[in-house]
Protein backbone atom coordinates (compact mmCIF):
# COMPACT_ATOMS: atom_id res chain seq x y z
CA UNK A 1 32.85 66.94 -45.64
CA UNK A 2 29.56 68.00 -44.13
CA UNK A 3 28.78 66.49 -40.76
CA UNK A 4 25.40 65.36 -42.25
CA UNK A 5 27.33 63.43 -45.01
CA UNK A 6 29.64 61.82 -42.46
CA UNK A 7 26.67 60.61 -40.51
CA UNK A 8 25.01 59.40 -43.73
CA UNK A 9 28.11 57.42 -44.68
CA UNK A 10 27.89 55.49 -41.46
CA UNK A 11 24.10 54.93 -41.72
CA UNK A 12 23.45 54.49 -45.44
CA UNK A 13 26.56 52.79 -46.85
CA UNK A 14 26.59 49.05 -46.71
CA UNK A 15 28.27 45.94 -48.06
CA UNK A 16 26.49 43.30 -50.15
CA UNK A 17 27.38 40.84 -47.29
CA UNK A 18 25.24 42.80 -44.86
CA UNK A 19 22.05 41.33 -46.34
CA UNK A 20 22.28 37.57 -47.31
CA UNK A 21 20.04 36.37 -50.11
CA UNK A 22 17.74 34.46 -47.82
CA UNK A 23 17.11 37.66 -45.77
CA UNK A 24 16.10 39.43 -49.00
CA UNK A 25 13.80 36.65 -50.04
CA UNK A 26 12.10 36.69 -46.63
CA UNK A 27 11.62 40.47 -46.90
CA UNK A 28 10.32 40.14 -50.47
CA UNK A 29 7.72 37.59 -49.35
CA UNK A 30 6.69 39.74 -46.40
CA UNK A 31 6.22 42.94 -48.43
CA UNK A 32 4.99 41.48 -51.67
CA UNK A 33 7.28 43.77 -53.67
CA UNK A 34 8.31 42.76 -57.20
CA UNK A 35 11.65 43.40 -58.85
CA UNK A 36 12.50 44.21 -62.53
CA UNK A 37 16.02 44.28 -63.89
CA UNK A 38 16.64 46.47 -66.94
CA UNK A 39 19.76 46.25 -69.17
CA UNK A 40 20.06 49.13 -71.67
CA UNK A 41 22.04 47.76 -74.55
CA UNK A 42 23.75 48.96 -77.72
CA UNK A 43 26.04 46.55 -79.48
CA UNK A 44 26.79 44.42 -76.43
CA UNK A 45 26.60 40.89 -77.82
CA UNK A 46 29.90 39.97 -76.15
CA UNK A 47 28.65 40.50 -72.62
CA UNK A 48 24.85 40.85 -72.45
CA UNK A 49 24.17 37.07 -72.64
CA UNK A 50 26.46 36.27 -69.74
CA UNK A 51 24.81 38.96 -67.56
CA UNK A 52 21.30 37.66 -68.28
CA UNK A 53 22.41 34.06 -67.73
CA UNK A 54 23.85 34.85 -64.27
CA UNK A 55 20.72 36.75 -63.19
CA UNK A 56 18.42 33.98 -64.35
CA UNK A 57 20.48 31.19 -62.80
CA UNK A 58 21.14 32.81 -59.45
CA UNK A 59 18.18 35.14 -58.85
CA UNK A 60 15.27 33.74 -60.86
CA UNK A 61 15.05 30.13 -59.65
CA UNK A 62 12.19 28.49 -57.82
CA UNK A 63 12.17 31.19 -55.20
CA UNK A 64 12.96 34.22 -57.31
CA UNK A 65 14.40 37.52 -56.08
CA UNK A 66 14.06 38.99 -59.54
CA UNK A 67 10.69 38.73 -61.32
CA UNK A 68 11.71 39.85 -64.78
CA UNK A 69 14.88 40.78 -66.75
CA UNK A 70 14.31 43.06 -69.70
CA UNK A 71 16.93 44.09 -72.29
CA UNK A 72 16.08 47.31 -74.11
CA UNK A 73 18.00 47.38 -77.35
CA UNK A 74 18.60 50.94 -78.54
CA UNK A 75 19.48 50.06 -82.16
CA UNK A 76 22.25 47.47 -82.06
CA UNK A 77 23.97 46.53 -85.32
CA UNK A 78 25.25 43.26 -83.89
CA UNK A 79 23.48 40.24 -82.35
CA UNK A 80 22.70 41.82 -78.95
CA UNK A 81 18.99 41.12 -79.19
CA UNK A 82 19.40 37.53 -80.34
CA UNK A 83 22.01 36.75 -77.69
CA UNK A 84 19.92 38.37 -74.89
CA UNK A 85 16.80 36.51 -75.92
CA UNK A 86 18.67 33.19 -76.17
CA UNK A 87 19.89 33.71 -72.64
CA UNK A 88 16.31 34.16 -71.42
CA UNK A 89 15.71 37.93 -71.31
CA UNK A 90 12.62 39.61 -72.64
CA UNK A 91 13.98 41.87 -75.40
CA UNK A 92 12.26 45.12 -76.38
CA UNK A 93 13.42 47.54 -78.99
CA UNK A 94 13.57 51.14 -77.86
CA UNK A 95 11.60 52.38 -80.86
CA UNK A 96 8.70 50.02 -80.11
CA UNK A 97 8.09 51.70 -76.77
CA UNK A 98 5.89 54.80 -76.85
CA UNK A 99 6.13 55.19 -80.61
CA UNK A 100 4.12 58.39 -80.75
CA UNK A 101 7.22 60.14 -79.23
CA UNK A 102 10.13 59.60 -81.61
CA UNK A 103 13.15 58.23 -79.80
CA UNK A 104 16.43 60.03 -79.67
CA UNK A 105 19.87 58.44 -79.10
CA UNK A 106 21.02 58.17 -75.53
CA UNK A 107 21.14 55.97 -72.51
CA UNK A 108 18.71 58.10 -70.47
CA UNK A 109 16.16 57.75 -73.26
CA UNK A 110 16.29 53.98 -72.98
CA UNK A 111 16.00 53.98 -69.15
CA UNK A 112 13.02 56.35 -69.27
CA UNK A 113 11.17 54.22 -71.80
CA UNK A 114 11.88 51.05 -69.85
CA UNK A 115 9.38 52.12 -67.18
CA UNK A 116 6.59 51.50 -69.72
CA UNK A 117 7.61 47.86 -70.37
CA UNK A 118 8.45 46.72 -66.82
CA UNK A 119 6.14 46.02 -63.95
CA UNK A 120 8.37 45.77 -60.85
CA UNK A 121 7.80 47.92 -57.73
CA UNK A 122 11.60 48.07 -57.65
CA UNK A 123 13.49 48.71 -60.86
CA UNK A 124 17.19 47.81 -61.06
CA UNK A 125 19.35 49.16 -63.87
CA UNK A 126 22.50 47.30 -64.89
CA UNK A 127 24.85 48.28 -67.76
CA UNK A 128 25.12 45.58 -70.44
CA UNK A 129 28.92 45.85 -70.96
CA UNK A 130 29.97 44.41 -67.59
CA UNK A 131 32.51 41.56 -67.60
CA UNK A 132 32.92 38.86 -64.93
CA UNK A 133 29.39 39.79 -63.85
CA UNK A 134 28.26 38.81 -60.33
CA UNK A 135 24.65 38.61 -59.15
CA UNK A 136 25.81 40.72 -56.22
CA UNK A 137 25.40 43.74 -58.45
CA UNK A 138 21.68 43.12 -58.37
CA UNK A 139 21.00 41.65 -54.95
CA UNK A 140 23.29 44.20 -53.28
CA UNK A 141 21.47 47.27 -54.50
CA UNK A 142 17.94 45.78 -54.33
CA UNK A 143 18.47 44.66 -50.72
CA UNK A 144 18.04 47.97 -48.91
CA UNK A 145 14.87 48.67 -50.88
CA UNK A 146 13.35 45.36 -49.80
CA UNK A 147 14.34 45.70 -46.13
CA UNK A 148 14.11 49.46 -45.38
CA UNK A 149 10.95 51.37 -46.42
CA UNK A 150 12.74 54.69 -45.92
CA UNK A 151 15.27 53.97 -48.70
CA UNK A 152 14.15 54.98 -52.20
CA UNK A 153 17.30 54.80 -54.36
CA UNK A 154 20.48 52.71 -54.02
CA UNK A 155 23.68 53.13 -56.00
CA UNK A 156 26.32 50.40 -56.36
CA UNK A 157 29.86 51.29 -55.28
CA UNK A 158 32.87 49.28 -56.36
CA UNK A 159 36.53 49.37 -57.36
CA UNK A 160 37.02 50.43 -61.08
CA UNK A 161 40.33 49.14 -62.50
CA UNK A 162 41.57 50.64 -65.81
CA UNK A 163 43.19 47.67 -67.52
CA UNK A 164 45.74 46.36 -65.00
CA UNK A 165 45.75 49.65 -62.98
CA UNK A 166 43.59 49.32 -59.89
CA UNK A 167 41.37 52.28 -59.00
CA UNK A 168 42.06 54.25 -62.18
CA UNK A 169 38.63 53.74 -63.86
CA UNK A 170 35.84 56.30 -63.45
CA UNK A 171 37.82 59.17 -65.11
CA UNK A 172 34.71 61.27 -65.78
CA UNK A 173 33.61 60.79 -62.21
CA UNK A 174 36.87 62.11 -60.81
CA UNK A 175 37.39 64.92 -63.30
CA UNK A 176 33.84 66.16 -63.74
CA UNK A 177 31.12 64.66 -61.54
CA UNK A 178 32.82 64.62 -58.20
CA UNK A 179 33.96 68.23 -58.35
CA UNK A 180 30.50 69.35 -59.45
CA UNK A 181 28.75 67.51 -56.66
CA UNK A 182 31.17 68.65 -53.99
CA UNK A 183 30.92 72.26 -55.05
CA UNK A 184 27.19 72.50 -55.78
CA UNK A 185 25.54 69.61 -54.03
CA UNK A 186 27.89 68.80 -51.14
CA UNK A 187 25.19 66.62 -49.46
CA UNK A 188 25.91 64.07 -52.31
CA UNK A 189 29.68 64.13 -51.77
CA UNK A 190 29.50 60.77 -49.98
CA UNK A 191 28.68 58.75 -53.13
CA UNK A 192 31.62 56.67 -54.19
CA UNK A 193 30.31 56.03 -57.77
CA UNK A 194 27.74 58.79 -58.54
CA UNK A 195 27.86 58.03 -62.27
CA UNK A 196 27.76 54.27 -61.93
CA UNK A 197 25.25 52.50 -64.18
CA UNK A 198 24.15 50.00 -61.49
CA UNK A 199 21.45 51.32 -59.23
CA UNK A 200 17.98 50.41 -58.11
CA UNK A 201 15.02 52.58 -57.12
CA UNK A 202 11.38 52.38 -56.21
CA UNK A 203 9.11 52.86 -59.19
CA UNK A 204 7.20 55.40 -57.11
CA UNK A 205 10.35 57.64 -57.23
CA UNK A 206 11.44 56.93 -60.81
CA UNK A 207 8.08 57.79 -62.29
CA UNK A 208 8.33 61.28 -60.74
CA UNK A 209 11.78 62.08 -62.05
CA UNK A 210 12.72 63.81 -65.35
CA UNK A 211 15.22 61.78 -67.35
CA UNK A 212 18.06 63.50 -69.30
CA UNK A 213 18.17 61.51 -72.53
CA UNK A 214 21.92 61.07 -72.64
CA UNK A 215 24.92 60.52 -70.33
CA UNK A 216 23.70 63.11 -67.85
CA UNK A 217 20.96 60.73 -66.65
CA UNK A 218 22.87 59.36 -63.61
CA UNK A 219 23.90 62.78 -62.24
CA UNK A 220 20.48 64.27 -62.96
CA UNK A 221 18.70 61.41 -61.26
CA UNK A 222 20.83 61.65 -58.16
CA UNK A 223 20.37 65.42 -57.78
CA UNK A 224 16.65 65.30 -58.41
CA UNK A 225 16.16 62.37 -56.06
CA UNK A 226 17.94 64.29 -53.32
CA UNK A 227 15.33 67.02 -53.64
CA UNK A 228 12.41 64.57 -53.67
CA UNK A 229 13.35 62.11 -50.93
CA UNK A 230 16.20 63.74 -49.00
CA UNK A 231 19.64 62.39 -48.29
CA UNK A 232 18.38 59.63 -45.98
CA UNK A 233 16.24 58.32 -48.81
CA UNK A 234 19.43 57.51 -50.75
CA UNK A 235 22.01 54.78 -50.06
CA UNK A 236 24.94 52.88 -51.54
CA UNK A 237 26.18 49.31 -51.33
CA UNK A 238 29.67 47.92 -51.92
CA UNK A 239 29.42 45.16 -54.48
CA UNK A 240 33.18 44.51 -55.15
CA UNK A 241 34.84 45.16 -58.50
CA UNK A 242 33.36 46.45 -61.72
CA UNK A 243 35.04 45.50 -65.00
CA UNK A 244 33.74 46.78 -68.31
CA UNK A 245 34.55 48.19 -71.72
CA UNK A 246 36.32 51.56 -71.40
CA UNK A 247 35.75 54.43 -73.82
CA UNK A 248 38.45 56.57 -75.37
CA UNK A 249 39.33 60.04 -74.17
CA UNK A 250 37.30 61.90 -76.78
CA UNK A 251 34.16 59.96 -75.97
CA UNK A 252 34.74 60.75 -72.32
CA UNK A 253 34.94 64.44 -73.25
CA UNK A 254 31.55 64.27 -74.86
CA UNK A 255 30.16 62.47 -71.85
CA UNK A 256 31.61 65.16 -69.59
CA UNK A 257 29.99 67.95 -71.63
CA UNK A 258 26.60 66.26 -71.29
CA UNK A 259 27.02 65.85 -67.53
CA UNK A 260 28.02 69.45 -67.14
CA UNK A 261 24.99 70.53 -69.13
CA UNK A 262 22.77 68.45 -66.93
CA UNK A 263 24.29 70.10 -63.85
CA UNK A 264 23.92 73.56 -65.30
CA UNK A 265 20.25 73.02 -65.98
CA UNK A 266 19.68 71.98 -62.39
CA UNK A 267 21.63 74.94 -61.04
CA UNK A 268 19.84 77.64 -62.94
CA UNK A 269 17.45 76.07 -65.42
CA UNK A 270 19.15 78.38 -67.80
CA UNK A 271 20.27 77.86 -71.41
CA UNK A 272 23.72 77.59 -72.93
CA UNK A 273 24.32 80.03 -75.74
CA UNK A 274 25.93 77.22 -77.70
CA UNK A 275 25.35 73.68 -76.36
CA UNK A 276 28.11 72.08 -78.42
CA UNK A 277 31.57 70.71 -77.84
CA UNK A 278 34.50 71.03 -80.27
CA UNK A 279 37.25 68.40 -80.08
CA UNK A 280 40.35 67.91 -82.22
CA UNK A 281 41.69 64.93 -84.15
CA UNK A 282 44.89 64.86 -86.13
CA UNK A 283 44.25 64.50 -89.85
CA UNK A 284 46.34 64.67 -93.03
CA UNK A 285 46.52 68.45 -92.83
CA UNK A 286 47.09 68.68 -89.11
CA UNK A 287 44.57 68.94 -86.27
CA UNK A 288 40.98 69.03 -87.50
CA UNK A 289 38.05 70.24 -85.46
CA UNK A 290 35.06 67.88 -84.84
CA UNK A 291 31.99 69.51 -83.23
CA UNK A 292 29.32 67.51 -81.46
CA UNK A 293 25.98 68.57 -80.12
CA UNK A 294 25.64 68.26 -76.33
CA UNK A 295 22.63 66.33 -75.02
CA UNK A 296 20.17 68.98 -73.83
CA UNK A 297 16.80 67.21 -74.10
CA UNK A 298 15.10 65.71 -71.07
CA UNK A 299 12.03 63.51 -70.88
CA UNK A 300 9.30 64.52 -68.42
CA UNK A 301 8.37 62.45 -65.39
CA UNK A 302 6.59 59.30 -66.50
CA UNK A 303 3.50 60.25 -64.50
CA UNK A 304 2.92 62.98 -67.10
CA UNK A 305 2.68 60.45 -69.90
CA UNK A 306 -0.88 59.42 -70.78
CA UNK A 307 0.05 55.90 -71.87
CA UNK A 308 1.76 55.23 -68.55
CA UNK A 309 -1.24 56.52 -66.60
CA UNK A 310 -3.62 54.39 -68.70
CA UNK A 311 -1.44 51.28 -68.07
CA UNK A 312 -1.60 51.81 -64.34
CA UNK A 313 -5.39 52.19 -64.41
CA UNK A 314 -5.70 49.01 -66.46
């Protein structure tokens, strides 16, 4: 590990217990910063309501740390929107945001569009499939942004069990993202959960970043933020244990392909001859190929979008 990264681990890696809630509220009052929480959601009726309920109960009381919680529904076929709204979230459909640009499927697409329907100086992203959710996931990663003006993006770090097996979650991180970062961006090798969906950042940074539309968004954001604000502008906070719905191996393969594509673009801004991934499933006649397109599209920095600029002027 680089000496710079070892020093960073000591200076920019914290625990949620390092900043009690009252300290964060005092800092929020002193700086006047506002906080938005965004949950990108697709068919998450089983968990989204509990997450919203915890945030509203513990962080949006009389003296709120969080000013708004917004669920962006990306086309759910279940009751995700109704459950989120009943729990007290403001629910916005992905397709209703910036309709002049047709939406494409993907998590990064939803996160990018959320900047247009939130107002916080700090934007906190939380995946909507978390189980046994704790408000620490929000207060932990928002804390450094409220208390240290030199920090611009904070990732959550946590244990990721796979079923009953401790520490075996995060398979794409260990097999794809961590090797990529260590080999090509070794200054980012200190991040425990580089692909984690729980992170917070200053709007002033997010609006300058391009957003890969799919699963490459977390890696792309981390790499691009490193170039914009430097390693000391990034941090991570231990928030405990993350439990969520796990995907099957083939879905993880497609996720890995999108992440590799995102890394390749940042390494050379080149183009794959064939940005597709073929996988195999056993059928009646043996193994049958299934070919999937790899996410290659990216949305430009939000500062380049006229509607966003007009909103800020208004």
